[in-house]
C-alpha atoms as a PDB file:
ATOM      1  CA  ALA A   1       0.000   0.000   0.000  1.00  0.00           C
ATOM      2  CA  VAL A   2       1.139   3.544  -0.691  1.00  0.00           C
ATOM      3  CA  TRP A   3       0.319   6.359   1.718  1.00  0.00           C
ATOM      4  CA  THR A   4       1.081  10.063   1.817  1.00  0.00           C
ATOM      5  CA  VAL A   5       1.806  11.639   5.203  1.00  0.00           C
ATOM      6  CA  ASP A   6       1.778  15.429   5.011  1.00  0.00           C
ATOM      7  CA  LEU A   7       3.121  16.659   8.339  1.00  0.00           C
ATOM      8  CA  LYS A   8       2.870  20.342   7.403  1.00  0.00           C
ATOM      9  CA  ASN A   9      -0.899  20.106   6.865  1.00  0.00           C
ATOM     10  CA  GLN A  10      -1.438  17.152   9.246  1.00  0.00           C
ATOM     11  CA  VAL A  11      -3.040  14.988   6.565  1.00  0.00           C
ATOM     12  CA  VAL A  12      -2.724  11.250   5.904  1.00  0.00           C
ATOM     13  CA  LYS A  13      -4.206   9.893   2.696  1.00  0.00           C
ATOM     14  CA  GLU A  14      -3.940   6.796   0.566  1.00  0.00           C
ATOM     15  CA  GLY A  15      -1.900   7.151  -2.611  1.00  0.00           C
ATOM     16  CA  ALA A  16       1.374   8.693  -3.706  1.00  0.00           C
ATOM     17  CA  SER A  17       2.263  12.373  -3.707  1.00  0.00           C
ATOM     18  CA  SER A  18       3.925  13.989  -6.696  1.00  0.00           C
ATOM     19  CA  SER A  19       5.489  16.695  -4.526  1.00  0.00           C
ATOM     20  CA  ALA A  20       7.008  14.667  -1.669  1.00  0.00           C
ATOM     21  CA  GLU A  21      10.243  15.986  -0.160  1.00  0.00           C
ATOM     22  CA  CYS A  22      11.054  12.540   1.192  1.00  0.00           C
ATOM     23  CA  THR A  23       9.868   9.085   0.151  1.00  0.00           C
ATOM     24  CA  ILE A  24      10.282   6.072   2.430  1.00  0.00           C
ATOM     25  CA  ASP A  25       9.857   2.539   1.119  1.00  0.00           C
ATOM     26  CA  VAL A  26       9.256  -0.094   3.815  1.00  0.00           C
ATOM     27  CA  SER A  27       7.104  -3.232   4.085  1.00  0.00           C
ATOM     28  CA  ASP A  28       3.790  -3.111   5.936  1.00  0.00           C
ATOM     29  CA  ASP A  29       5.098  -5.415   8.672  1.00  0.00           C
ATOM     30  CA  ASP A  30       8.270  -3.385   9.195  1.00  0.00           C
ATOM     31  CA  PHE A  31       6.266  -0.145   9.268  1.00  0.00           C
ATOM     32  CA  ALA A  32       4.025  -1.624  11.959  1.00  0.00           C
ATOM     33  CA  GLY A  33       7.174  -2.555  13.890  1.00  0.00           C
ATOM     34  CA  LEU A  34       8.433   1.022  13.582  1.00  0.00           C
ATOM     35  CA  THR A  35       5.203   2.562  14.809  1.00  0.00           C
ATOM     36  CA  SER A  36       5.077   0.209  17.803  1.00  0.00           C
ATOM     37  CA  GLN A  37       8.801   0.816  18.435  1.00  0.00           C
ATOM     38  CA  LYS A  38       9.571  -2.897  18.229  1.00  0.00           C
ATOM     39  CA  LEU A  39      11.889  -2.178  15.275  1.00  0.00           C
ATOM     40  CA  ASN A  40      14.530   0.494  14.788  1.00  0.00           C
ATOM     41  CA  ALA A  41      14.545   2.603  11.605  1.00  0.00           C
ATOM     42  CA  GLN A  42      18.341   2.808  11.497  1.00  0.00           C
ATOM     43  CA  THR A  43      18.655  -0.983  11.726  1.00  0.00           C
ATOM     44  CA  LEU A  44      16.076  -1.483   8.965  1.00  0.00           C
ATOM     45  CA  PHE A  45      17.925   1.043   6.800  1.00  0.00           C
ATOM     46  CA  MET A  46      21.269  -0.728   7.306  1.00  0.00           C
ATOM     47  CA  GLN A  47      19.619  -4.071   6.449  1.00  0.00           C
ATOM     48  CA  GLY A  48      18.203  -2.595   3.230  1.00  0.00           C
ATOM     49  CA  LYS A  49      14.626  -3.058   4.445  1.00  0.00           C
ATOM     50  CA  LEU A  50      13.945   0.688   4.615  1.00  0.00           C
ATOM     51  CA  LYS A  51      14.845   2.826   1.603  1.00  0.00           C
ATOM     52  CA  VAL A  52      14.862   6.622   1.499  1.00  0.00           C
ATOM     53  CA  LYS A  53      14.644   8.914  -1.512  1.00  0.00           C
ATOM     54  CA  GLY A  54      14.953  12.664  -1.116  1.00  0.00           C
ATOM     55  CA  ASN A  55      15.632  14.572   2.086  1.00  0.00           C
ATOM     56  CA  MET A  56      17.371  12.153   4.470  1.00  0.00           C
ATOM     57  CA  MET A  57      17.027  14.586   7.399  1.00  0.00           C
ATOM     58  CA  LEU A  58      13.224  14.412   7.134  1.00  0.00           C
ATOM     59  CA  ALA A  59      13.391  10.620   7.141  1.00  0.00           C
ATOM     60  CA  MET A  60      15.435  10.707  10.342  1.00  0.00           C
ATOM     61  CA  LYS A  61      12.581  12.582  12.060  1.00  0.00           C
ATOM     62  CA  LEU A  62      10.179   9.694  11.424  1.00  0.00           C
ATOM     63  CA  GLU A  63      11.297   7.666  14.427  1.00  0.00           C
ATOM     64  CA  THR A  64      11.051  10.740  16.669  1.00  0.00           C
ATOM     65  CA  LEU A  65       7.461  11.200  15.528  1.00  0.00           C
ATOM     66  CA  PHE A  66       6.557   7.657  16.598  1.00  0.00           C
ATOM     67  CA  LYS A  67       8.272   8.073  19.982  1.00  0.00           C
ATOM     68  CA  ALA A  68       6.326  11.283  20.636  1.00  0.00           C
ATOM     69  CA  ASN A  69       3.016   9.504  20.050  1.00  0.00           C
ATOM     70  CA  THR A  70       3.436   6.498  22.330  1.00  0.00           C
ATOM     71  CA  PRO A  71       1.338   6.203  25.521  1.00  0.00           C
ATOM     72  CA  SER A  72       4.481   6.258  27.707  1.00  0.00           C
ATOM     73  CA  ALA A  73       5.574   9.563  26.135  1.00  0.00           C
ATOM     74  CA  ALA A  74       2.163  11.079  26.799  1.00  0.00           C
ATOM     75  CA  THR A  75       2.146  10.088  30.478  1.00  0.00           C
ATOM     76  CA  SER A  76       5.728  11.247  31.006  1.00  0.00           C
ATOM     77  CA  LYS A  77       4.707  14.763  29.973  1.00  0.00           C
ATOM     78  CA  LEU A  78       2.126  15.014  32.783  1.00  0.00           C
END
């Protein structure tokens, strides 16, 4: 499946974007592992399971985004 995540406008939609600054190619299972923090993006990248096209610095922010949205992160901010 192909999804577009537009962080500037806070929109997620199905399908590709023609104006993406960064494109990340990863399997559905590995993406689920990233979002649940069971897998590490850097490890997947080194194994060739996560591919990045475009702005690498934006791709590096992806893992930070997932960490900020975990239940433990939300309770630690209280």
